PDB file of N, CA and C in Angstrom:
ATOM      1  N   MET A   1     124.128  79.896 120.649  1.00  0.00           N
ATOM      2  CA  MET A   1     122.979  79.450 119.798  1.00  0.00           C
ATOM      3  C   MET A   1     122.690  80.812 118.922  1.00  0.00           C
ATOM      4  N   ALA A   2     122.420  80.453 117.604  1.00  0.00           N
ATOM      5  CA  ALA A   2     122.264  81.553 116.681  1.00  0.00           C
ATOM      6  C   ALA A   2     120.795  81.896 116.743  1.00  0.00           C
ATOM      7  N   LEU A   3     120.454  83.143 116.532  1.00  0.00           N
ATOM      8  CA  LEU A   3     119.054  83.604 116.609  1.00  0.00           C
ATOM      9  C   LEU A   3     118.294  82.821 115.311  1.00  0.00           C
ATOM     10  N   GLU A   4     118.874  82.408 114.366  1.00  0.00           N
ATOM     11  CA  GLU A   4     118.232  81.724 113.407  1.00  0.00           C
ATOM     12  C   GLU A   4     117.507  80.366 113.897  1.00  0.00           C
ATOM     13  N   GLU A   5     117.973  79.868 115.100  1.00  0.00           N
ATOM     14  CA  GLU A   5     117.555  78.632 115.525  1.00  0.00           C
ATOM     15  C   GLU A   5     116.323  78.740 116.347  1.00  0.00           C
ATOM     16  N   PHE A   6     116.005  79.995 116.748  1.00  0.00           N
ATOM     17  CA  PHE A   6     114.736  80.248 117.465  1.00  0.00           C
ATOM     18  C   PHE A   6     113.493  80.306 116.540  1.00  0.00           C
ATOM     19  N   ARG A   7     112.439  79.919 117.036  1.00  0.00           N
ATOM     20  CA  ARG A   7     111.173  80.112 116.286  1.00  0.00           C
ATOM     21  C   ARG A   7     110.244  80.922 117.010  1.00  0.00           C
ATOM     22  N   VAL A   8     109.446  81.774 116.459  1.00  0.00           N
ATOM     23  CA  VAL A   8     108.418  82.543 117.079  1.00  0.00           C
ATOM     24  C   VAL A   8     107.290  81.611 117.366  1.00  0.00           C
ATOM     25  N   VAL A   9     106.731  81.587 118.551  1.00  0.00           N
ATOM     26  CA  VAL A   9     105.610  80.803 118.850  1.00  0.00           C
ATOM     27  C   VAL A   9     104.443  81.715 118.866  1.00  0.00           C
ATOM     28  N   HIS A  10     103.395  81.373 118.251  1.00  0.00           N
ATOM     29  CA  HIS A  10     102.157  81.910 118.075  1.00  0.00           C
ATOM     30  C   HIS A  10     101.195  81.335 119.204  1.00  0.00           C
ATOM     31  N   THR A  11     100.687  82.245 119.957  1.00  0.00           N
ATOM     32  CA  THR A  11      99.795  81.837 121.056  1.00  0.00           C
ATOM     33  C   THR A  11      98.396  82.392 121.032  1.00  0.00           C
ATOM     34  N   GLN A  12      97.483  81.715 121.923  1.00  0.00           N
ATOM     35  CA  GLN A  12      96.127  82.288 122.002  1.00  0.00           C
ATOM     36  C   GLN A  12      95.259  82.179 120.731  1.00  0.00           C
ATOM     37  N   GLY A  13      95.850  81.309 119.751  1.00  0.00           N
ATOM     38  CA  GLY A  13      94.953  81.077 118.663  1.00  0.00           C
ATOM     39  C   GLY A  13      94.767  82.237 117.747  1.00  0.00           C
ATOM     40  N   LYS A  14      95.563  83.252 117.770  1.00  0.00           N
ATOM     41  CA  LYS A  14      95.495  84.346 116.934  1.00  0.00           C
ATOM     42  C   LYS A  14      96.582  84.240 115.825  1.00  0.00           C
ATOM     43  N   ASN A  15      96.259  84.978 114.683  1.00  0.00           N
ATOM     44  CA  ASN A  15      97.253  85.014 113.584  1.00  0.00           C
ATOM     45  C   ASN A  15      98.211  86.181 113.567  1.00  0.00           C
ATOM     46  N   ASP A  16      98.339  86.837 114.763  1.00  0.00           N
ATOM     47  CA  ASP A  16      99.289  87.979 114.713  1.00  0.00           C
ATOM     48  C   ASP A  16     100.706  87.668 114.145  1.00  0.00           C
ATOM     49  N   GLY A  17     101.008  88.363 113.126  1.00  0.00           N
ATOM     50  CA  GLY A  17     102.404  88.263 112.623  1.00  0.00           C
ATOM     51  C   GLY A  17     102.473  87.174 111.374  1.00  0.00           C
ATOM     52  N   LEU A  18     101.437  86.438 111.349  1.00  0.00           N
ATOM     53  CA  LEU A  18     101.389  85.255 110.384  1.00  0.00           C
ATOM     54  C   LEU A  18     101.651  85.780 108.907  1.00  0.00           C
ATOM     55  N   LEU A  19     100.946  86.878 108.607  1.00  0.00           N
ATOM     56  CA  LEU A  19     101.048  87.478 107.262  1.00  0.00           C
ATOM     57  C   LEU A  19     102.462  87.769 106.911  1.00  0.00           C
ATOM     58  N   LYS A  20     103.156  88.524 107.850  1.00  0.00           N
ATOM     59  CA  LYS A  20     104.509  88.955 107.545  1.00  0.00           C
ATOM     60  C   LYS A  20     105.372  87.751 107.520  1.00  0.00           C
ATOM     61  N   GLU A  21     105.289  86.990 108.395  1.00  0.00           N
ATOM     62  CA  GLU A  21     106.153  85.680 108.328  1.00  0.00           C
ATOM     63  C   GLU A  21     105.983  84.838 107.095  1.00  0.00           C
ATOM     64  N   ARG A  22     104.789  84.701 106.617  1.00  0.00           N
ATOM     65  CA  ARG A  22     104.564  83.894 105.463  1.00  0.00           C
ATOM     66  C   ARG A  22     105.132  84.702 104.203  1.00  0.00           C
ATOM     67  N   ARG A  23     104.949  85.903 104.219  1.00  0.00           N
ATOM     68  CA  ARG A  23     105.526  86.848 103.126  1.00  0.00           C
ATOM     69  C   ARG A  23     106.904  86.584 103.032  1.00  0.00           C
ATOM     70  N   ILE A  24     107.531  86.769 104.172  1.00  0.00           N
ATOM     71  CA  ILE A  24     109.070  86.690 104.122  1.00  0.00           C
ATOM     72  C   ILE A  24     109.398  85.194 103.709  1.00  0.00           C
ATOM     73  N   THR A  25     108.708  84.281 104.245  1.00  0.00           N
ATOM     74  CA  THR A  25     109.038  82.844 103.852  1.00  0.00           C
ATOM     75  C   THR A  25     108.942  82.575 102.494  1.00  0.00           C
ATOM     76  N   CYS A  26     108.058  83.253 101.738  1.00  0.00           N
ATOM     77  CA  CYS A  26     107.603  83.161 100.416  1.00  0.00           C
ATOM     78  C   CYS A  26     108.495  83.967  99.595  1.00  0.00           C
ATOM     79  N   GLY A  27     109.418  84.816 100.225  1.00  0.00           N
ATOM     80  CA  GLY A  27     110.332  85.738  99.448  1.00  0.00           C
ATOM     81  C   GLY A  27     109.657  86.789  98.657  1.00  0.00           C
ATOM     82  N   LEU A  28     108.556  87.232  99.222  1.00  0.00           N
ATOM     83  CA  LEU A  28     107.798  88.312  98.500  1.00  0.00           C
ATOM     84  C   LEU A  28     108.017  89.659  99.393  1.00  0.00           C
ATOM     85  N   THR A  29     107.804  90.659  98.568  1.00  0.00           N
ATOM     86  CA  THR A  29     107.863  92.017  99.168  1.00  0.00           C
ATOM     87  C   THR A  29     106.218  92.273  99.403  1.00  0.00           C
ATOM     88  N   GLN A  30     106.045  93.232 100.171  1.00  0.00           N
ATOM     89  CA  GLN A  30     104.661  93.765 100.386  1.00  0.00           C
ATOM     90  C   GLN A  30     103.974  94.110  99.118  1.00  0.00           C
ATOM     91  N   GLN A  31     104.721  94.824  98.293  1.00  0.00           N
ATOM     92  CA  GLN A  31     104.206  95.186  96.958  1.00  0.00           C
ATOM     93  C   GLN A  31     103.796  94.077  96.157  1.00  0.00           C
ATOM     94  N   GLN A  32     104.649  93.052  96.182  1.00  0.00           N
ATOM     95  CA  GLN A  32     104.240  91.740  95.344  1.00  0.00           C
ATOM     96  C   GLN A  32     103.011  91.106  95.862  1.00  0.00           C
ATOM     97  N   VAL A  33     102.913  91.020  97.192  1.00  0.00           N
ATOM     98  CA  VAL A  33     101.626  90.343  97.721  1.00  0.00           C
ATOM     99  C   VAL A  33     100.421  91.268  97.369  1.00  0.00           C
ATOM    100  N   ALA A  34     100.626  92.546  97.433  1.00  0.00           N
ATOM    101  CA  ALA A  34      99.473  93.471  97.238  1.00  0.00           C
ATOM    102  C   ALA A  34      99.074  93.332  95.752  1.00  0.00           C
ATOM    103  N   ASP A  35     100.157  93.266  94.808  1.00  0.00           N
ATOM    104  CA  ASP A  35      99.891  93.085  93.471  1.00  0.00           C
ATOM    105  C   ASP A  35      99.188  91.789  93.177  1.00  0.00           C
ATOM    106  N   LYS A  36      99.590  90.631  93.754  1.00  0.00           N
ATOM    107  CA  LYS A  36      99.007  89.342  93.593  1.00  0.00           C
ATOM    108  C   LYS A  36      97.567  89.369  94.064  1.00  0.00           C
ATOM    109  N   ALA A  37      97.344  89.971  95.085  1.00  0.00           N
ATOM    110  CA  ALA A  37      95.899  90.165  95.687  1.00  0.00           C
ATOM    111  C   ALA A  37      95.114  91.052  95.058  1.00  0.00           C
ATOM    112  N   GLY A  38      95.626  91.995  94.219  1.00  0.00           N
ATOM    113  CA  GLY A  38      94.941  92.871  93.629  1.00  0.00           C
ATOM    114  C   GLY A  38      94.388  93.994  94.494  1.00  0.00           C
ATOM    115  N   ILE A  39      95.197  94.407  95.440  1.00  0.00           N
ATOM    116  CA  ILE A  39      94.831  95.432  96.413  1.00  0.00           C
ATOM    117  C   ILE A  39      95.846  96.474  96.427  1.00  0.00           C
ATOM    118  N   LEU A  40      95.751  97.557  96.988  1.00  0.00           N
ATOM    119  CA  LEU A  40      96.755  98.722  97.169  1.00  0.00           C
ATOM    120  C   LEU A  40      97.794  98.189  98.269  1.00  0.00           C
ATOM    121  N   ILE A  41      99.085  98.565  98.067  1.00  0.00           N
ATOM    122  CA  ILE A  41      99.946  98.316  99.079  1.00  0.00           C
ATOM    123  C   ILE A  41      99.624  98.794 100.431  1.00  0.00           C
ATOM    124  N   GLN A  42      99.015  99.915 100.554  1.00  0.00           N
ATOM    125  CA  GLN A  42      98.630 100.593 101.855  1.00  0.00           C
ATOM    126  C   GLN A  42      97.671  99.674 102.562  1.00  0.00           C
ATOM    127  N   HIS A  43      96.929  99.022 101.812  1.00  0.00           N
ATOM    128  CA  HIS A  43      95.859  98.278 102.426  1.00  0.00           C
ATOM    129  C   HIS A  43      96.513  96.926 102.900  1.00  0.00           C
ATOM    130  N   TYR A  44      97.406  96.342 102.113  1.00  0.00           N
ATOM    131  CA  TYR A  44      98.060  95.206 102.666  1.00  0.00           C
ATOM    132  C   TYR A  44      98.943  95.439 103.858  1.00  0.00           C
ATOM    133  N   GLN A  45      99.650  96.630 103.822  1.00  0.00           N
ATOM    134  CA  GLN A  45     100.609  97.070 104.981  1.00  0.00           C
ATOM    135  C   GLN A  45      99.711  97.222 106.192  1.00  0.00           C
ATOM    136  N   LYS A  46      98.393  97.731 106.081  1.00  0.00           N
ATOM    137  CA  LYS A  46      97.630  97.876 107.291  1.00  0.00           C
ATOM    138  C   LYS A  46      97.169  96.357 107.801  1.00  0.00           C
ATOM    139  N   PHE A  47      96.950  95.442 107.014  1.00  0.00           N
ATOM    140  CA  PHE A  47      96.742  94.077 107.386  1.00  0.00           C
ATOM    141  C   PHE A  47      97.963  93.504 108.106  1.00  0.00           C
ATOM    142  N   GLU A  48      98.949  93.649 107.376  1.00  0.00           N
ATOM    143  CA  GLU A  48     100.230  93.022 107.989  1.00  0.00           C
ATOM    144  C   GLU A  48     100.599  93.604 109.278  1.00  0.00           C
ATOM    145  N   GLY A  49     100.493  95.019 109.372  1.00  0.00           N
ATOM    146  CA  GLY A  49     100.876  95.774 110.589  1.00  0.00           C
ATOM    147  C   GLY A  49      99.837  95.799 111.782  1.00  0.00           C
ATOM    148  N   GLY A  50      98.668  95.133 111.355  1.00  0.00           N
ATOM    149  CA  GLY A  50      97.603  94.978 112.582  1.00  0.00           C
ATOM    150  C   GLY A  50      96.715  96.222 112.660  1.00  0.00           C
ATOM    151  N   GLU A  51      97.007  97.119 111.789  1.00  0.00           N
ATOM    152  CA  GLU A  51      96.067  98.294 111.749  1.00  0.00           C
ATOM    153  C   GLU A  51      94.585  97.942 111.320  1.00  0.00           C
ATOM    154  N   ARG A  52      94.508  97.136 110.467  1.00  0.00           N
ATOM    155  CA  ARG A  52      93.254  96.494 109.900  1.00  0.00           C
ATOM    156  C   ARG A  52      93.236  94.986 110.133  1.00  0.00           C
ATOM    157  N   ASN A  53      92.195  94.348 110.361  1.00  0.00           N
ATOM    158  CA  ASN A  53      92.092  92.922 110.666  1.00  0.00           C
ATOM    159  C   ASN A  53      91.592  92.254 109.352  1.00  0.00           C
ATOM    160  N   LEU A  54      92.241  91.302 108.872  1.00  0.00           N
ATOM    161  CA  LEU A  54      92.003  90.562 107.650  1.00  0.00           C
ATOM    162  C   LEU A  54      90.633  89.896 107.885  1.00  0.00           C
ATOM    163  N   ARG A  55      90.428  89.477 109.056  1.00  0.00           N
ATOM    164  CA  ARG A  55      89.124  88.659 109.385  1.00  0.00           C
ATOM    165  C   ARG A  55      87.919  89.515 109.208  1.00  0.00           C
ATOM    166  N   THR A  56      88.018  90.869 109.245  1.00  0.00           N
ATOM    167  CA  THR A  56      86.884  91.693 109.181  1.00  0.00           C
ATOM    168  C   THR A  56      86.848  92.393 107.791  1.00  0.00           C
ATOM    169  N   ALA A  57      87.712  91.929 106.813  1.00  0.00           N
ATOM    170  CA  ALA A  57      87.762  92.398 105.595  1.00  0.00           C
ATOM    171  C   ALA A  57      86.682  91.811 104.830  1.00  0.00           C
ATOM    172  N   SER A  58      86.444  92.284 103.539  1.00  0.00           N
ATOM    173  CA  SER A  58      85.432  91.577 102.726  1.00  0.00           C
ATOM    174  C   SER A  58      86.024  90.048 102.571  1.00  0.00           C
ATOM    175  N   PHE A  59      85.079  89.105 102.296  1.00  0.00           N
ATOM    176  CA  PHE A  59      85.451  87.733 102.079  1.00  0.00           C
ATOM    177  C   PHE A  59      86.426  87.711 100.823  1.00  0.00           C
ATOM    178  N   ASP A  60      86.159  88.544  99.831  1.00  0.00           N
ATOM    179  CA  ASP A  60      86.866  88.499  98.640  1.00  0.00           C
ATOM    180  C   ASP A  60      88.195  88.963  98.790  1.00  0.00           C
ATOM    181  N   VAL A  61      88.522  90.024  99.576  1.00  0.00           N
ATOM    182  CA  VAL A  61      89.814  90.628  99.730  1.00  0.00           C
ATOM    183  C   VAL A  61      90.657  89.552 100.748  1.00  0.00           C
ATOM    184  N   ALA A  62      89.896  89.003 101.786  1.00  0.00           N
ATOM    185  CA  ALA A  62      90.620  88.080 102.614  1.00  0.00           C
ATOM    186  C   ALA A  62      91.239  86.842 101.818  1.00  0.00           C
ATOM    187  N   CYS A  63      90.265  86.359 100.940  1.00  0.00           N
ATOM    188  CA  CYS A  63      90.582  85.234 100.078  1.00  0.00           C
ATOM    189  C   CYS A  63      91.789  85.559  99.258  1.00  0.00           C
ATOM    190  N   ARG A  64      91.800  86.781  98.608  1.00  0.00           N
ATOM    191  CA  ARG A  64      92.945  87.067  97.663  1.00  0.00           C
ATOM    192  C   ARG A  64      94.148  87.272  98.266  1.00  0.00           C
ATOM    193  N   VAL A  65      94.185  87.884  99.618  1.00  0.00           N
ATOM    194  CA  VAL A  65      95.365  88.067 100.345  1.00  0.00           C
ATOM    195  C   VAL A  65      95.876  86.735 100.709  1.00  0.00           C
ATOM    196  N   LEU A  66      94.999  85.768 101.203  1.00  0.00           N
ATOM    197  CA  LEU A  66      95.504  84.489 101.758  1.00  0.00           C
ATOM    198  C   LEU A  66      96.022  83.710 100.511  1.00  0.00           C
ATOM    199  N   GLU A  67      95.305  83.740  99.412  1.00  0.00           N
ATOM    200  CA  GLU A  67      95.850  83.130  98.178  1.00  0.00           C
ATOM    201  C   GLU A  67      97.104  83.579  97.683  1.00  0.00           C
ATOM    202  N   ALA A  68      97.386  84.817  97.773  1.00  0.00           N
ATOM    203  CA  ALA A  68      98.642  85.486  97.383  1.00  0.00           C
ATOM    204  C   ALA A  68      99.751  84.963  98.331  1.00  0.00           C
ATOM    205  N   LEU A  69      99.419  84.706  99.625  1.00  0.00           N
ATOM    206  CA  LEU A  69     100.460  84.153 100.448  1.00  0.00           C
ATOM    207  C   LEU A  69     100.481  82.559 100.563  1.00  0.00           C
ATOM    208  N   ASP A  70      99.688  81.981  99.719  1.00  0.00           N
ATOM    209  CA  ASP A  70      99.431  80.370  99.620  1.00  0.00           C
ATOM    210  C   ASP A  70      99.143  79.937 100.939  1.00  0.00           C
ATOM    211  N   LEU A  71      98.247  80.660 101.632  1.00  0.00           N
ATOM    212  CA  LEU A  71      97.604  80.144 102.846  1.00  0.00           C
ATOM    213  C   LEU A  71      96.309  79.653 102.746  1.00  0.00           C
ATOM    214  N   ASP A  72      95.915  78.572 103.439  1.00  0.00           N
ATOM    215  CA  ASP A  72      94.663  78.039 103.288  1.00  0.00           C
ATOM    216  C   ASP A  72      93.608  78.907 104.212  1.00  0.00           C
ATOM    217  N   ILE A  73      92.408  79.271 103.585  1.00  0.00           N
ATOM    218  CA  ILE A  73      91.619  80.136 104.153  1.00  0.00           C
ATOM    219  C   ILE A  73      90.901  79.417 105.350  1.00  0.00           C
ATOM    220  N   VAL A  74      90.590  78.190 105.316  1.00  0.00           N
ATOM    221  CA  VAL A  74      89.907  77.495 106.474  1.00  0.00           C
ATOM    222  C   VAL A  74      90.942  77.349 107.538  1.00  0.00           C
ATOM    223  N   LYS A  75      92.064  76.985 107.256  1.00  0.00           N
ATOM    224  CA  LYS A  75      93.125  76.851 108.356  1.00  0.00           C
ATOM    225  C   LYS A  75      93.293  78.294 109.018  1.00  0.00           C
ATOM    226  N   TYR A  76      93.356  79.211 108.200  1.00  0.00           N
ATOM    227  CA  TYR A  76      93.607  80.721 108.769  1.00  0.00           C
ATOM    228  C   TYR A  76      92.451  81.086 109.665  1.00  0.00           C
ATOM    229  N   PHE A  77      91.263  80.927 109.245  1.00  0.00           N
ATOM    230  CA  PHE A  77      90.040  81.479 109.979  1.00  0.00           C
ATOM    231  C   PHE A  77      89.731  80.459 111.226  1.00  0.00           C
ATOM    232  N   HIS A  78      90.355  79.184 111.199  1.00  0.00           N
ATOM    233  CA  HIS A  78      90.132  78.393 112.363  1.00  0.00           C
ATOM    234  C   HIS A  78      91.389  78.486 113.270  1.00  0.00           C
ATOM    235  N   HIS A  79      92.282  79.411 112.973  1.00  0.00           N
ATOM    236  CA  HIS A  79      93.483  79.594 113.865  1.00  0.00           C
ATOM    237  C   HIS A  79      94.342  78.427 113.806  1.00  0.00           C
ATOM    238  N   GLU A  80      94.489  77.773 112.875  1.00  0.00           N
ATOM    239  CA  GLU A  80      95.252  76.521 112.754  1.00  0.00           C
ATOM    240  C   GLU A  80      96.749  76.776 112.393  1.00  0.00           C
ATOM    241  N   TYR A  81      97.128  77.917 112.048  1.00  0.00           N
ATOM    242  CA  TYR A  81      98.588  78.317 111.617  1.00  0.00           C
ATOM    243  C   TYR A  81      99.263  78.770 112.916  1.00  0.00           C
ATOM    244  N   ASP A  82     100.384  78.194 113.128  1.00  0.00           N
ATOM    245  CA  ASP A  82     101.285  78.636 114.226  1.00  0.00           C
ATOM    246  C   ASP A  82     102.534  79.410 113.539  1.00  0.00           C
ATOM    247  N   LEU A  83     102.952  80.455 114.075  1.00  0.00           N
ATOM    248  CA  LEU A  83     104.227  81.050 113.479  1.00  0.00           C
ATOM    249  C   LEU A  83     105.396  80.025 113.647  1.00  0.00           C
ATOM    250  N   GLY A  84     106.091  79.931 112.585  1.00  0.00           N
ATOM    251  CA  GLY A  84     107.291  78.961 112.503  1.00  0.00           C
ATOM    252  C   GLY A  84     106.738  77.548 112.346  1.00  0.00           C
ATOM    253  N   GLU A  85     105.634  77.107 112.774  1.00  0.00           N
ATOM    254  CA  GLU A  85     105.303  75.601 112.628  1.00  0.00           C
ATOM    255  C   GLU A  85     104.997  75.309 111.277  1.00  0.00           C
ATOM    256  N   GLU A  86     104.279  76.093 110.546  1.00  0.00           N
ATOM    257  CA  GLU A  86     103.768  75.838 109.060  1.00  0.00           C
ATOM    258  C   GLU A  86     104.993  75.619 108.220  1.00  0.00           C
ATOM    259  N   GLN A  87     106.007  76.466 108.453  1.00  0.00           N
ATOM    260  CA  GLN A  87     107.220  76.300 107.723  1.00  0.00           C
ATOM    261  C   GLN A  87     107.761  74.941 107.792  1.00  0.00           C
ATOM    262  N   HIS A  88     107.861  74.480 109.019  1.00  0.00           N
ATOM    263  CA  HIS A  88     108.387  73.074 109.273  1.00  0.00           C
ATOM    264  C   HIS A  88     107.472  71.996 108.520  1.00  0.00           C
ATOM    265  N   GLU A  89     106.215  72.197 108.646  1.00  0.00           N
ATOM    266  CA  GLU A  89     105.281  71.181 108.036  1.00  0.00           C
ATOM    267  C   GLU A  89     105.562  70.993 106.567  1.00  0.00           C
ATOM    268  N   ASP A  90     105.596  72.352 105.945  1.00  0.00           N
ATOM    269  CA  ASP A  90     105.884  72.517 104.509  1.00  0.00           C
ATOM    270  C   ASP A  90     107.172  71.669 104.160  1.00  0.00           C
ATOM    271  N   ALA A  91     108.261  71.803 104.873  1.00  0.00           N
ATOM    272  CA  ALA A  91     109.700  71.082 104.706  1.00  0.00           C
ATOM    273  C   ALA A  91     109.339  69.670 104.644  1.00  0.00           C
ATOM    274  N   GLU A  92     108.523  69.050 105.710  1.00  0.00           N
ATOM    275  CA  GLU A  92     108.367  67.651 105.748  1.00  0.00           C
ATOM    276  C   GLU A  92     107.683  67.114 104.535  1.00  0.00           C
ATOM    277  N   LYS A  93     106.736  67.853 103.871  1.00  0.00           N
ATOM    278  CA  LYS A  93     105.965  67.485 102.816  1.00  0.00           C
ATOM    279  C   LYS A  93     106.930  67.474 101.514  1.00  0.00           C
ATOM    280  N   THR A  94     107.771  68.534 101.458  1.00  0.00           N
ATOM    281  CA  THR A  94     108.468  68.679 100.171  1.00  0.00           C
ATOM    282  C   THR A  94     109.836  68.012 100.272  1.00  0.00           C
ATOM    283  N   GLY A  95     110.317  67.834 101.572  1.00  0.00           N
ATOM    284  CA  GLY A  95     111.752  67.293 101.741  1.00  0.00           C
ATOM    285  C   GLY A  95     112.770  68.439 101.609  1.00  0.00           C
ATOM    286  N   LYS A  96     112.209  69.687 101.454  1.00  0.00           N
ATOM    287  CA  LYS A  96     113.272  70.755 101.342  1.00  0.00           C
ATOM    288  C   LYS A  96     113.260  71.678 102.566  1.00  0.00           C
ATOM    289  N   PRO A  97     114.408  71.999 103.098  1.00  0.00           N
ATOM    290  CA  PRO A  97     114.425  72.920 104.291  1.00  0.00           C
ATOM    291  C   PRO A  97     113.998  74.176 103.955  1.00  0.00           C
ATOM    292  N   THR A  98     113.053  74.890 104.771  1.00  0.00           N
ATOM    293  CA  THR A  98     112.549  76.131 104.564  1.00  0.00           C
ATOM    294  C   THR A  98     113.314  77.237 105.312  1.00  0.00           C
ATOM    295  N   ASP A  99     114.093  76.914 106.290  1.00  0.00           N
ATOM    296  CA  ASP A  99     114.934  77.915 106.977  1.00  0.00           C
ATOM    297  C   ASP A  99     116.227  77.867 106.432  1.00  0.00           C
ATOM    298  N   GLU A 100     116.951  79.014 106.466  1.00  0.00           N
ATOM    299  CA  GLU A 100     118.428  79.118 106.119  1.00  0.00           C
ATOM    300  C   GLU A 100     119.187  78.391 107.118  1.00  0.00           C
ATOM    301  N   GLU A 101     120.100  77.658 106.545  1.00  0.00           N
ATOM    302  CA  GLU A 101     120.902  76.917 107.625  1.00  0.00           C
ATOM    303  C   GLU A 101     122.398  77.558 107.507  1.00  0.00           C
TER     304      GLU A 101
END
């Protein structure tokens, strides 16, 4: 079985790793996300790396980062995103595969 067939499962209702997974899924670099969100790359890197918590950032910054990653703020703050799962749901809606085959 190839590693590509495995999915990362997100547990305990936390969004650890979600920003990075979504950025990669969207085909964006950290710089591109930071630019879209209007923040410094160092700030975005701290969010993605877990050094800073997006939930404790200002509402404005959190909204801009989530919007840059095309994530719904309500779903994010209610821990409704699961790593790997949202990609699958997006594929069902669009009919396009989201994972490389």
